[in-house]
C-alpha atoms as a PDB file:
ATOM      1  CA  MET A   1      21.305  21.762 -96.364  1.00  0.00           C
ATOM      2  CA  LYS A   2      18.286  19.176 -96.939  1.00  0.00           C
ATOM      3  CA  LYS A   3      15.380  20.925 -98.325  1.00  0.00           C
ATOM      4  CA  SER A   4      11.961  20.203 -96.699  1.00  0.00           C
ATOM      5  CA  LEU A   5       8.766  20.776 -98.370  1.00  0.00           C
ATOM      6  CA  PHE A   6       5.801  21.366 -95.998  1.00  0.00           C
ATOM      7  CA  THR A   7       2.628  21.526 -97.604  1.00  0.00           C
ATOM      8  CA  ALA A   8      -0.746  23.065 -95.859  1.00  0.00           C
ATOM      9  CA  SER A   9      -2.190  19.869 -96.643  1.00  0.00           C
ATOM     10  CA  LEU A  10      -0.303  18.086 -94.613  1.00  0.00           C
ATOM     11  CA  PHE A  11       0.885  20.350 -92.042  1.00  0.00           C
ATOM     12  CA  ALA A  12      -1.879  23.022 -91.976  1.00  0.00           C
ATOM     13  CA  ILE A  13      -3.284  24.118 -88.736  1.00  0.00           C
ATOM     14  CA  GLY A  14      -6.682  24.592 -90.082  1.00  0.00           C
ATOM     15  CA  VAL A  15      -6.699  28.249 -90.336  1.00  0.00           C
ATOM     16  CA  ILE A  16      -7.053  29.323 -94.102  1.00  0.00           C
ATOM     17  CA  ALA A  17      -8.624  32.399 -94.830  1.00  0.00           C
ATOM     18  CA  ASN A  18      -9.679  35.377 -92.378  1.00  0.00           C
ATOM     19  CA  ALA A  19      -9.140  32.834 -89.514  1.00  0.00           C
ATOM     20  CA  GLN A  20      -8.653  33.676 -85.870  1.00  0.00           C
ATOM     21  CA  SER A  21      -6.755  31.319 -83.291  1.00  0.00           C
ATOM     22  CA  TYR A  22      -7.085  31.793 -79.546  1.00  0.00           C
ATOM     23  CA  VAL A  23      -4.877  30.251 -76.894  1.00  0.00           C
ATOM     24  CA  GLU A  24      -6.495  29.310 -73.577  1.00  0.00           C
ATOM     25  CA  THR A  25      -3.629  30.037 -70.969  1.00  0.00           C
ATOM     26  CA  PHE A  26      -5.850  29.459 -67.912  1.00  0.00           C
ATOM     27  CA  GLU A  27      -4.322  33.038 -66.554  1.00  0.00           C
ATOM     28  CA  THR A  28      -7.819  34.338 -66.394  1.00  0.00           C
ATOM     29  CA  PHE A  29      -9.032  31.916 -63.581  1.00  0.00           C
ATOM     30  CA  THR A  30      -8.534  33.000 -60.037  1.00  0.00           C
ATOM     31  CA  LEU A  31      -7.270  30.716 -57.464  1.00  0.00           C
ATOM     32  CA  ASN A  32      -6.101  30.672 -53.973  1.00  0.00           C
ATOM     33  CA  THR A  33      -2.336  29.953 -53.834  1.00  0.00           C
ATOM     34  CA  ASN A  34      -1.552  26.094 -54.394  1.00  0.00           C
ATOM     35  CA  SER A  35      -4.944  25.168 -55.273  1.00  0.00           C
ATOM     36  CA  PHE A  36      -7.246  24.031 -57.789  1.00  0.00           C
ATOM     37  CA  TYR A  37     -10.739  23.746 -59.282  1.00  0.00           C
ATOM     38  CA  LYS A  38     -13.127  21.787 -57.430  1.00  0.00           C
ATOM     39  CA  ASP A  39     -16.662  21.164 -57.937  1.00  0.00           C
ATOM     40  CA  THR A  40     -18.686  18.062 -56.205  1.00  0.00           C
ATOM     41  CA  ASN A  41     -21.454  18.734 -58.570  1.00  0.00           C
ATOM     42  CA  SER A  42     -19.312  17.600 -61.795  1.00  0.00           C
ATOM     43  CA  THR A  43     -19.799  20.953 -63.238  1.00  0.00           C
ATOM     44  CA  SER A  44     -17.838  21.152 -66.575  1.00  0.00           C
ATOM     45  CA  TRP A  45     -15.723  24.189 -67.003  1.00  0.00           C
ATOM     46  CA  GLN A  46     -15.177  26.728 -69.808  1.00  0.00           C
ATOM     47  CA  GLY A  47     -12.917  29.446 -71.547  1.00  0.00           C
ATOM     48  CA  THR A  48     -13.047  31.299 -74.478  1.00  0.00           C
ATOM     49  CA  SER A  49     -12.653  28.639 -76.915  1.00  0.00           C
ATOM     50  CA  ALA A  50     -13.292  25.379 -75.362  1.00  0.00           C
ATOM     51  CA  LYS A  51     -15.329  23.430 -72.700  1.00  0.00           C
ATOM     52  CA  PHE A  52     -13.433  21.054 -70.318  1.00  0.00           C
ATOM     53  CA  SER A  53     -14.848  18.081 -68.735  1.00  0.00           C
ATOM     54  CA  TYR A  54     -15.062  17.611 -65.006  1.00  0.00           C
ATOM     55  CA  SER A  55     -16.231  14.614 -62.956  1.00  0.00           C
ATOM     56  CA  TRP A  56     -16.350  14.188 -59.134  1.00  0.00           C
ATOM     57  CA  ASN A  57     -17.151  11.173 -57.384  1.00  0.00           C
ATOM     58  CA  LYS A  58     -19.771  12.101 -54.396  1.00  0.00           C
ATOM     59  CA  GLN A  59     -19.738   8.506 -53.063  1.00  0.00           C
ATOM     60  CA  TYR A  60     -16.224   8.427 -52.322  1.00  0.00           C
ATOM     61  CA  SER A  61     -15.286  12.052 -52.136  1.00  0.00           C
ATOM     62  CA  PHE A  62     -12.676  12.181 -55.193  1.00  0.00           C
ATOM     63  CA  TRP A  63     -12.112  13.789 -58.550  1.00  0.00           C
ATOM     64  CA  SER A  64     -12.692  11.383 -60.931  1.00  0.00           C
ATOM     65  CA  GLY A  65     -11.961  12.246 -64.023  1.00  0.00           C
ATOM     66  CA  GLY A  66     -11.596  15.236 -66.748  1.00  0.00           C
ATOM     67  CA  PHE A  67      -9.873  18.416 -65.945  1.00  0.00           C
ATOM     68  CA  SER A  68      -8.832  20.857 -63.183  1.00  0.00           C
ATOM     69  CA  TYR A  69      -7.115  24.008 -63.520  1.00  0.00           C
ATOM     70  CA  THR A  70      -4.652  24.579 -60.734  1.00  0.00           C
ATOM     71  CA  ASN A  71      -1.574  26.857 -59.665  1.00  0.00           C
ATOM     72  CA  LYS A  72      -0.212  24.103 -57.422  1.00  0.00           C
ATOM     73  CA  LEU A  73       3.556  24.147 -57.141  1.00  0.00           C
ATOM     74  CA  ASP A  74       4.966  20.555 -56.234  1.00  0.00           C
ATOM     75  CA  SER A  75       7.270  18.722 -58.540  1.00  0.00           C
ATOM     76  CA  SER A  76       8.634  16.560 -55.846  1.00  0.00           C
ATOM     77  CA  THR A  77       5.829  14.796 -53.725  1.00  0.00           C
ATOM     78  CA  GLY A  78       5.237  11.453 -55.870  1.00  0.00           C
ATOM     79  CA  ALA A  79       2.065  10.391 -54.100  1.00  0.00           C
ATOM     80  CA  TYR A  80      -1.614   9.973 -54.730  1.00  0.00           C
ATOM     81  CA  SER A  81      -1.741  13.139 -52.371  1.00  0.00           C
ATOM     82  CA  ASN A  82      -0.263  15.082 -55.102  1.00  0.00           C
ATOM     83  CA  LEU A  83      -2.960  14.762 -58.013  1.00  0.00           C
ATOM     84  CA  TYR A  84      -2.082  18.491 -59.583  1.00  0.00           C
ATOM     85  CA  GLY A  85       1.219  19.272 -59.339  1.00  0.00           C
ATOM     86  CA  SER A  86       3.157  19.588 -62.605  1.00  0.00           C
ATOM     87  CA  LYS A  87       6.719  17.856 -62.452  1.00  0.00           C
ATOM     88  CA  ALA A  88       7.702  21.396 -64.824  1.00  0.00           C
ATOM     89  CA  TYR A  89       6.541  22.998 -60.945  1.00  0.00           C
ATOM     90  CA  TYR A  90       5.206  26.383 -63.071  1.00  0.00           C
ATOM     91  CA  GLY A  91       2.898  26.752 -66.185  1.00  0.00           C
ATOM     92  CA  TYR A  92       4.486  26.688 -69.679  1.00  0.00           C
ATOM     93  CA  GLY A  93       6.724  29.598 -69.775  1.00  0.00           C
ATOM     94  CA  ASN A  94       6.657  29.846 -65.958  1.00  0.00           C
ATOM     95  CA  SER A  95       3.075  31.068 -66.093  1.00  0.00           C
ATOM     96  CA  ASN A  96       0.835  30.665 -62.915  1.00  0.00           C
ATOM     97  CA  ASN A  97      -2.003  28.632 -63.707  1.00  0.00           C
ATOM     98  CA  TYR A  98      -2.325  25.342 -65.857  1.00  0.00           C
ATOM     99  CA  VAL A  99      -4.434  22.445 -65.812  1.00  0.00           C
ATOM    100  CA  SER A 100      -3.954  18.936 -64.399  1.00  0.00           C
ATOM    101  CA  ALA A 101      -5.952  16.121 -66.427  1.00  0.00           C
ATOM    102  CA  GLN A 102      -7.090  12.528 -65.694  1.00  0.00           C
ATOM    103  CA  PRO A 103      -8.779  10.399 -68.520  1.00  0.00           C
ATOM    104  CA  SER A 104      -9.152   7.266 -66.447  1.00  0.00           C
ATOM    105  CA  ASN A 105      -8.829   3.554 -68.430  1.00  0.00           C
ATOM    106  CA  SER A 106     -12.254   3.587 -69.247  1.00  0.00           C
ATOM    107  CA  ILE A 107     -13.472   7.294 -69.576  1.00  0.00           C
ATOM    108  CA  TRP A 108     -12.267   9.519 -72.143  1.00  0.00           C
ATOM    109  CA  GLY A 109     -11.714  12.925 -70.637  1.00  0.00           C
ATOM    110  CA  SER A 110     -12.898  15.562 -73.216  1.00  0.00           C
ATOM    111  CA  ILE A 111     -12.380  18.911 -74.675  1.00  0.00           C
ATOM    112  CA  LYS A 112     -15.207  20.686 -76.267  1.00  0.00           C
ATOM    113  CA  LEU A 113     -14.406  23.059 -78.967  1.00  0.00           C
ATOM    114  CA  LYS A 114     -16.744  26.231 -78.742  1.00  0.00           C
ATOM    115  CA  SER A 115     -17.884  28.256 -81.933  1.00  0.00           C
ATOM    116  CA  PRO A 116     -16.588  29.219 -83.938  1.00  0.00           C
ATOM    117  CA  TYR A 117     -13.296  27.453 -83.009  1.00  0.00           C
ATOM    118  CA  SER A 118     -13.599  23.984 -84.551  1.00  0.00           C
ATOM    119  CA  TYR A 119      -9.782  23.033 -85.106  1.00  0.00           C
ATOM    120  CA  ALA A 120      -7.723  22.348 -82.537  1.00  0.00           C
ATOM    121  CA  ASN A 121      -3.937  23.267 -82.945  1.00  0.00           C
ATOM    122  CA  GLY A 122      -2.442  21.484 -79.821  1.00  0.00           C
ATOM    123  CA  PHE A 123      -1.232  22.167 -76.317  1.00  0.00           C
ATOM    124  CA  TYR A 124       1.855  21.839 -74.527  1.00  0.00           C
ATOM    125  CA  ILE A 125       2.016  18.766 -72.225  1.00  0.00           C
ATOM    126  CA  THR A 126       4.062  17.475 -69.410  1.00  0.00           C
ATOM    127  CA  ASN A 127       3.656  14.671 -66.795  1.00  0.00           C
ATOM    128  CA  THR A 128       2.219  15.348 -63.406  1.00  0.00           C
ATOM    129  CA  THR A 129       4.640  15.081 -60.497  1.00  0.00           C
ATOM    130  CA  TYR A 130       2.831  11.886 -59.374  1.00  0.00           C
ATOM    131  CA  ALA A 131       2.812  10.009 -62.833  1.00  0.00           C
ATOM    132  CA  TYR A 132       6.800  11.080 -63.349  1.00  0.00           C
ATOM    133  CA  LYS A 133       7.925   9.807 -59.620  1.00  0.00           C
ATOM    134  CA  ALA A 134       5.786   6.485 -60.273  1.00  0.00           C
ATOM    135  CA  MET A 135       7.677   5.773 -63.285  1.00  0.00           C
ATOM    136  CA  LYS A 136      11.108   7.133 -62.506  1.00  0.00           C
ATOM    137  CA  ASN A 137      11.011   5.223 -59.156  1.00  0.00           C
ATOM    138  CA  GLY A 138       7.965   2.811 -58.822  1.00  0.00           C
ATOM    139  CA  ASN A 139       5.814   2.592 -55.744  1.00  0.00           C
ATOM    140  CA  SER A 140       3.714  -0.097 -54.436  1.00  0.00           C
ATOM    141  CA  PHE A 141       1.399  -0.286 -57.452  1.00  0.00           C
ATOM    142  CA  SER A 142       3.817   1.012 -60.689  1.00  0.00           C
ATOM    143  CA  ARG A 143       6.844  -0.494 -61.552  1.00  0.00           C
ATOM    144  CA  LYS A 144       9.937   1.814 -61.703  1.00  0.00           C
ATOM    145  CA  PHE A 145      10.274   2.027 -65.795  1.00  0.00           C
ATOM    146  CA  GLY A 146      13.131  -0.131 -67.276  1.00  0.00           C
ATOM    147  CA  ASP A 147      13.194  -2.477 -64.459  1.00  0.00           C
ATOM    148  CA  THR A 148      12.534  -6.020 -64.871  1.00  0.00           C
ATOM    149  CA  THR A 149      12.587  -7.433 -61.581  1.00  0.00           C
ATOM    150  CA  GLY A 150      10.369 -10.537 -61.432  1.00  0.00           C
ATOM    151  CA  THR A 151       9.863 -10.001 -65.251  1.00  0.00           C
ATOM    152  CA  HIS A 152      11.971 -11.802 -67.985  1.00  0.00           C
ATOM    153  CA  THR A 153      14.954 -11.284 -65.770  1.00  0.00           C
ATOM    154  CA  GLY A 154      18.101 -12.744 -67.119  1.00  0.00           C
ATOM    155  CA  THR A 155      16.298 -14.115 -70.153  1.00  0.00           C
ATOM    156  CA  LEU A 156      14.329 -11.693 -72.613  1.00  0.00           C
ATOM    157  CA  TYR A 157      15.562  -8.286 -71.219  1.00  0.00           C
ATOM    158  CA  PRO A 158      18.529  -7.434 -69.345  1.00  0.00           C
ATOM    159  CA  GLN A 159      18.044  -5.944 -65.955  1.00  0.00           C
ATOM    160  CA  GLY A 160      16.999  -2.135 -66.190  1.00  0.00           C
ATOM    161  CA  SER A 161      15.993  -2.890 -70.128  1.00  0.00           C
ATOM    162  CA  TYR A 162      12.323  -3.551 -70.338  1.00  0.00           C
ATOM    163  CA  PRO A 163      11.114  -1.579 -72.906  1.00  0.00           C
ATOM    164  CA  ASP A 164       8.377   0.641 -71.154  1.00  0.00           C
ATOM    165  CA  TRP A 165       6.438   3.332 -72.377  1.00  0.00           C
ATOM    166  CA  PHE A 166       3.730   5.880 -71.211  1.00  0.00           C
ATOM    167  CA  LYS A 167       1.434   7.491 -73.769  1.00  0.00           C
ATOM    168  CA  ILE A 168      -1.626   9.502 -74.612  1.00  0.00           C
ATOM    169  CA  THR A 169      -3.936   9.376 -77.650  1.00  0.00           C
ATOM    170  CA  ALA A 170      -6.267  12.191 -78.840  1.00  0.00           C
ATOM    171  CA  LYS A 171      -8.945  11.477 -81.258  1.00  0.00           C
ATOM    172  CA  ALA A 172     -11.990  13.502 -82.503  1.00  0.00           C
ATOM    173  CA  TYR A 173     -15.563  13.611 -82.715  1.00  0.00           C
ATOM    174  CA  LEU A 174     -17.681  15.618 -85.259  1.00  0.00           C
ATOM    175  CA  ALA A 175     -21.000  15.384 -85.767  1.00  0.00           C
ATOM    176  CA  GLY A 176     -21.544  12.423 -83.632  1.00  0.00           C
ATOM    177  CA  SER A 177     -18.718  10.110 -84.941  1.00  0.00           C
ATOM    178  CA  VAL A 178     -15.314   9.430 -84.133  1.00  0.00           C
ATOM    179  CA  LYS A 179     -12.734  10.303 -86.819  1.00  0.00           C
ATOM    180  CA  ALA A 180     -10.438   7.850 -88.022  1.00  0.00           C
ATOM    181  CA  ASP A 181      -7.342  10.149 -87.245  1.00  0.00           C
ATOM    182  CA  SER A 182      -5.293  10.322 -83.775  1.00  0.00           C
ATOM    183  CA  ALA A 183      -2.887  12.007 -82.468  1.00  0.00           C
ATOM    184  CA  VAL A 184      -0.049  10.667 -80.129  1.00  0.00           C
ATOM    185  CA  PHE A 185       2.153  12.022 -77.731  1.00  0.00           C
ATOM    186  CA  TYR A 186       4.826   9.713 -75.495  1.00  0.00           C
ATOM    187  CA  LEU A 187       5.134  11.012 -71.975  1.00  0.00           C
ATOM    188  CA  ALA A 188       7.532   8.336 -71.444  1.00  0.00           C
ATOM    189  CA  ASP A 189       9.515   5.739 -73.722  1.00  0.00           C
ATOM    190  CA  TYR A 190      12.264   3.352 -72.591  1.00  0.00           C
ATOM    191  CA  ARG A 191      11.969   1.331 -76.043  1.00  0.00           C
ATOM    192  CA  PHE A 192      15.297   2.372 -77.278  1.00  0.00           C
ATOM    193  CA  THR A 193      17.906  -0.338 -77.763  1.00  0.00           C
ATOM    194  CA  ASN A 194      20.339   2.487 -76.458  1.00  0.00           C
ATOM    195  CA  ASN A 195      19.221   2.854 -72.795  1.00  0.00           C
ATOM    196  CA  SER A 196      20.801   6.390 -72.751  1.00  0.00           C
ATOM    197  CA  LEU A 197      17.844   7.263 -74.870  1.00  0.00           C
ATOM    198  CA  ASP A 198      15.475   6.460 -72.792  1.00  0.00           C
ATOM    199  CA  TYR A 199      13.391   9.346 -71.222  1.00  0.00           C
ATOM    200  CA  ILE A 200      10.383  10.455 -69.038  1.00  0.00           C
ATOM    201  CA  VAL A 201       9.143  14.099 -70.024  1.00  0.00           C
ATOM    202  CA  SER A 202       9.862  16.528 -67.499  1.00  0.00           C
ATOM    203  CA  ASN A 203       9.237  19.937 -69.154  1.00  0.00           C
ATOM    204  CA  TRP A 204       7.018  21.153 -71.327  1.00  0.00           C
ATOM    205  CA  GLN A 205       6.311  19.911 -74.903  1.00  0.00           C
ATOM    206  CA  TRP A 206       4.162  20.671 -77.675  1.00  0.00           C
ATOM    207  CA  PHE A 207       1.543  18.067 -78.253  1.00  0.00           C
ATOM    208  CA  ASP A 208       0.370  18.564 -82.049  1.00  0.00           C
ATOM    209  CA  LEU A 209      -3.509  18.114 -82.804  1.00  0.00           C
ATOM    210  CA  SER A 210      -3.978  19.556 -85.913  1.00  0.00           C
ATOM    211  CA  ALA A 211      -3.866  16.052 -87.828  1.00  0.00           C
ATOM    212  CA  LEU A 212      -7.359  15.596 -86.540  1.00  0.00           C
ATOM    213  CA  GLY A 213      -8.718  18.254 -88.663  1.00  0.00           C
ATOM    214  CA  GLN A 214     -12.161  20.008 -87.830  1.00  0.00           C
ATOM    215  CA  ALA A 215     -13.778  18.452 -84.722  1.00  0.00           C
ATOM    216  CA  ASP A 216     -16.401  19.286 -82.095  1.00  0.00           C
ATOM    217  CA  SER A 217     -14.870  17.568 -79.348  1.00  0.00           C
ATOM    218  CA  ILE A 218     -11.314  16.386 -78.684  1.00  0.00           C
ATOM    219  CA  TYR A 219     -11.083  13.228 -76.444  1.00  0.00           C
ATOM    220  CA  PHE A 220      -8.222  11.632 -74.639  1.00  0.00           C
ATOM    221  CA  LYS A 221      -7.342   8.342 -73.486  1.00  0.00           C
ATOM    222  CA  MET A 222      -4.148   6.862 -71.742  1.00  0.00           C
ATOM    223  CA  TYR A 223      -2.007   3.402 -72.159  1.00  0.00           C
ATOM    224  CA  SER A 224       1.061   2.136 -70.382  1.00  0.00           C
ATOM    225  CA  SER A 225       2.991  -1.041 -70.597  1.00  0.00           C
ATOM    226  CA  ASP A 226       3.022  -1.490 -67.088  1.00  0.00           C
ATOM    227  CA  VAL A 227      -0.563  -3.244 -66.708  1.00  0.00           C
ATOM    228  CA  GLY A 228      -1.458  -5.606 -63.850  1.00  0.00           C
ATOM    229  CA  GLN A 229      -4.440  -7.373 -62.860  1.00  0.00           C
ATOM    230  CA  TYR A 230      -6.714  -4.662 -62.357  1.00  0.00           C
ATOM    231  CA  GLY A 231      -5.385  -2.385 -65.419  1.00  0.00           C
ATOM    232  CA  ILE A 232      -2.965   0.156 -65.816  1.00  0.00           C
ATOM    233  CA  ASN A 233      -0.713   0.579 -62.923  1.00  0.00           C
ATOM    234  CA  THR A 234       1.061   3.922 -64.117  1.00  0.00           C
ATOM    235  CA  PRO A 235      -1.026   6.863 -62.846  1.00  0.00           C
ATOM    236  CA  LEU A 236      -3.035   8.059 -65.359  1.00  0.00           C
ATOM    237  CA  PHE A 237      -2.804  11.794 -65.447  1.00  0.00           C
ATOM    238  CA  PHE A 238      -0.935  14.509 -67.698  1.00  0.00           C
ATOM    239  CA  CYS A 239      -0.849  18.388 -67.248  1.00  0.00           C
ATOM    240  CA  VAL A 240      -2.028  20.944 -69.971  1.00  0.00           C
ATOM    241  CA  ASP A 241      -1.213  24.382 -70.730  1.00  0.00           C
ATOM    242  CA  ASN A 242      -1.570  26.958 -73.736  1.00  0.00           C
ATOM    243  CA  PHE A 243      -4.335  25.103 -75.799  1.00  0.00           C
ATOM    244  CA  THR A 244      -4.687  26.524 -78.919  1.00  0.00           C
ATOM    245  CA  SER A 245      -7.627  26.264 -81.644  1.00  0.00           C
ATOM    246  CA  ASN A 246      -8.952  28.029 -84.621  1.00  0.00           C
ATOM    247  CA  GLN A 247     -11.583  29.050 -86.383  1.00  0.00           C
ATOM    248  CA  THR A 248     -12.943  27.474 -89.850  1.00  0.00           C
ATOM    249  CA  PHE A 249     -12.956  29.632 -92.813  1.00  0.00           C
ATOM    250  CA  ALA A 250     -11.649  27.499 -95.674  1.00  0.00           C
ATOM    251  CA  SER A 251     -10.691  28.668 -99.011  1.00  0.00           C
ATOM    252  CA  ILE A 252      -9.745  26.749-102.327  1.00  0.00           C
ATOM    253  CA  ASN A 253      -7.193  29.633-102.789  1.00  0.00           C
ATOM    254  CA  GLU A 254      -5.257  28.197-100.181  1.00  0.00           C
ATOM    255  CA  ASN A 255      -4.245  25.326-102.125  1.00  0.00           C
ATOM    256  CA  LEU A 256      -3.398  27.087-105.417  1.00  0.00           C
ATOM    257  CA  LEU A 257      -0.680  29.174-103.426  1.00  0.00           C
ATOM    258  CA  THR A 258       0.834  26.068-101.614  1.00  0.00           C
ATOM    259  CA  GLN A 259       1.532  24.582-105.081  1.00  0.00           C
ATOM    260  CA  LYS A 260       3.763  27.281-105.734  1.00  0.00           C
ATOM    261  CA  LEU A 261       5.565  27.708-102.673  1.00  0.00           C
ATOM    262  CA  SER A 262       8.765  26.032-100.764  1.00  0.00           C
ATOM    263  CA  VAL A 263       9.142  26.718 -97.180  1.00  0.00           C
ATOM    264  CA  TYR A 264      12.476  25.493 -95.429  1.00  0.00           C
ATOM    265  CA  PRO A 265      14.430  24.248 -93.810  1.00  0.00           C
ATOM    266  CA  ASN A 266      12.099  22.963 -90.787  1.00  0.00           C
ATOM    267  CA  PRO A 267      13.050  22.696 -87.971  1.00  0.00           C
ATOM    268  CA  MET A 268      14.246  26.198 -88.348  1.00  0.00           C
ATOM    269  CA  GLN A 269      17.947  26.774 -87.758  1.00  0.00           C
ATOM    270  CA  ASN A 270      19.182  30.420 -88.038  1.00  0.00           C
ATOM    271  CA  SER A 271      17.004  31.576 -91.310  1.00  0.00           C
ATOM    272  CA  ILE A 272      13.817  30.413 -92.933  1.00  0.00           C
ATOM    273  CA  ASN A 273      13.266  30.246 -96.616  1.00  0.00           C
ATOM    274  CA  VAL A 274      10.197  31.360 -98.820  1.00  0.00           C
ATOM    275  CA  ASP A 275      10.648  30.099-102.516  1.00  0.00           C
ATOM    276  CA  PHE A 276       7.887  31.160-105.065  1.00  0.00           C
ATOM    277  CA  LYS A 277       7.833  29.070-108.095  1.00  0.00           C
ATOM    278  CA  GLY A 278       6.840  31.227-110.982  1.00  0.00           C
ATOM    279  CA  LEU A 279       6.166  34.767-112.018  1.00  0.00           C
ATOM    280  CA  ILE A 280       5.175  37.108-109.054  1.00  0.00           C
ATOM    281  CA  GLU A 281       2.581  39.249-110.585  1.00  0.00           C
ATOM    282  CA  GLU A 282       1.929  41.191-107.059  1.00  0.00           C
ATOM    283  CA  PRO A 283       3.699  41.299-103.961  1.00  0.00           C
ATOM    284  CA  ILE A 284       3.505  38.396-101.611  1.00  0.00           C
ATOM    285  CA  THR A 285       3.353  39.448 -97.751  1.00  0.00           C
ATOM    286  CA  VAL A 286       5.231  36.967 -95.181  1.00  0.00           C
ATOM    287  CA  GLU A 287       3.885  36.763 -91.713  1.00  0.00           C
ATOM    288  CA  LEU A 288       5.333  35.005 -88.778  1.00  0.00           C
ATOM    289  CA  TYR A 289       3.452  34.531 -85.352  1.00  0.00           C
ATOM    290  CA  ASP A 290       4.376  32.577 -82.237  1.00  0.00           C
ATOM    291  CA  VAL A 291       2.039  29.685 -80.831  1.00  0.00           C
ATOM    292  CA  SER A 292       0.550  32.446 -78.702  1.00  0.00           C
ATOM    293  CA  GLY A 293      -0.620  34.461 -82.044  1.00  0.00           C
ATOM    294  CA  THR A 294       1.827  37.369 -81.555  1.00  0.00           C
ATOM    295  CA  LEU A 295       2.977  38.800 -84.792  1.00  0.00           C
ATOM    296  CA  ILE A 296       6.746  38.720 -84.733  1.00  0.00           C
ATOM    297  CA  LEU A 297       7.766  39.290 -88.438  1.00  0.00           C
ATOM    298  CA  LYS A 298       6.059  40.883 -91.162  1.00  0.00           C
ATOM    299  CA  ASN A 299       7.474  41.486 -94.878  1.00  0.00           C
ATOM    300  CA  VAL A 300       5.983  42.510 -98.120  1.00  0.00           C
ATOM    301  CA  SER A 301       8.142  41.383-101.324  1.00  0.00           C
ATOM    302  CA  THR A 302       8.205  40.597-104.740  1.00  0.00           C
ATOM    303  CA  GLU A 303      11.264  38.420-104.684  1.00  0.00           C
ATOM    304  CA  LEU A 304      11.313  34.932-105.645  1.00  0.00           C
ATOM    305  CA  ARG A 305      13.365  33.758-102.641  1.00  0.00           C
ATOM    306  CA  GLN A 306      13.129  35.585 -99.323  1.00  0.00           C
ATOM    307  CA  THR A 307      15.204  34.598 -96.576  1.00  0.00           C
ATOM    308  CA  TYR A 308      14.532  35.994 -92.941  1.00  0.00           C
ATOM    309  CA  SER A 309      16.868  35.667 -89.740  1.00  0.00           C
ATOM    310  CA  THR A 310      15.507  33.207 -86.933  1.00  0.00           C
ATOM    311  CA  GLU A 311      18.514  33.411 -84.987  1.00  0.00           C
ATOM    312  CA  GLU A 312      17.266  35.251 -82.184  1.00  0.00           C
ATOM    313  CA  PHE A 313      13.816  33.121 -82.312  1.00  0.00           C
ATOM    314  CA  SER A 314      13.529  30.677 -79.260  1.00  0.00           C
ATOM    315  CA  LYS A 315      12.850  27.390 -79.570  1.00  0.00           C
ATOM    316  CA  GLY A 316       9.422  26.372 -79.871  1.00  0.00           C
ATOM    317  CA  ILE A 317       6.124  26.111 -82.418  1.00  0.00           C
ATOM    318  CA  TYR A 318       5.767  29.015 -85.126  1.00  0.00           C
ATOM    319  CA  ILE A 319       3.164  30.053 -87.651  1.00  0.00           C
ATOM    320  CA  LEU A 320       3.737  31.036 -91.007  1.00  0.00           C
ATOM    321  CA  LYS A 321       1.244  32.923 -93.073  1.00  0.00           C
ATOM    322  CA  VAL A 322       2.012  33.745 -96.740  1.00  0.00           C
ATOM    323  CA  SER A 323      -0.285  35.555 -98.553  1.00  0.00           C
ATOM    324  CA  LYS A 324      -0.887  36.743-102.132  1.00  0.00           C
ATOM    325  CA  GLY A 325      -3.832  38.587-103.026  1.00  0.00           C
ATOM    326  CA  GLU A 326      -6.556  36.363-101.941  1.00  0.00           C
ATOM    327  CA  GLN A 327      -4.453  33.489-101.718  1.00  0.00           C
ATOM    328  CA  ILE A 328      -3.366  32.225 -98.687  1.00  0.00           C
ATOM    329  CA  SER A 329      -1.102  29.435 -97.048  1.00  0.00           C
ATOM    330  CA  ILE A 330      -0.344  28.800 -93.433  1.00  0.00           C
ATOM    331  CA  TYR A 331       2.459  26.625 -92.367  1.00  0.00           C
ATOM    332  CA  LYS A 332       3.618  25.379 -88.920  1.00  0.00           C
ATOM    333  CA  LEU A 333       7.162  25.715 -88.472  1.00  0.00           C
ATOM    334  CA  ILE A 334       9.481  24.451 -85.455  1.00  0.00           C
ATOM    335  CA  LYS A 335      12.526  25.127 -83.781  1.00  0.00           C
END
């Protein structure tokens, strides 16, 4: 079994000592059946840990950008009339509410973190039905992904093998300046040599934002290989659920413990190992949380190697917290 060493400096989720995480599930927002947030005054809305931008075009009476929470259940209508439906049908975990988002090709949709939360872990993401159907089948504006009709047919690419892609990029603003790091998620990717690997996302998947570090706001922009005379042809929409952020309590003690620890394998299979390098002068506490912040495992031990069964765990993202006295180390694990 290949050993993977994960240091908090690379994979830390931004929570070090005494920090708290919060998951915006959007379930507290009240909606009529099959409806969505709409405000013709372009009023941004907010949850406990974040504020979500929203824009309405009064001149032409349409939702022009930002985020709208919704409980729309429509995974089949691939037309402009369905701007809110998720291809996954329900929210993450079959929840009622989720968010539809549309950062246009000229405006970055933004999520502003509210104090004391200033680190974004990430969120679950999937395609809207509208975007999914446009890429899967094509329409009067968008090319069917992979299709090369009229584009290099019989020359550079075999018919049906055009290397299309659709992605979202996230960047962070801190103290009025954009940070250099970015996070990227592909909502569709047809660039594989083996066409059987081509995909368009249709279920909820985790979009990791931890590389952005501390932030005041997270901004999003979308890109596509299908570009025409007037810009991107692919509908610039995506869905969001379980937006997770953390507080900002940092500690130099975190690095001290991380240097003495090895946590593997990652992704997890049927077990996870926590190895401590050196003498143990006091017990080590190991805690494992799911992405919602629920504690699902806790153990206190003085053993140099501790192995925990993860066979019964569902696939997803987990947070491992290892503490020894005042020293704390945080790891993000995947199964």
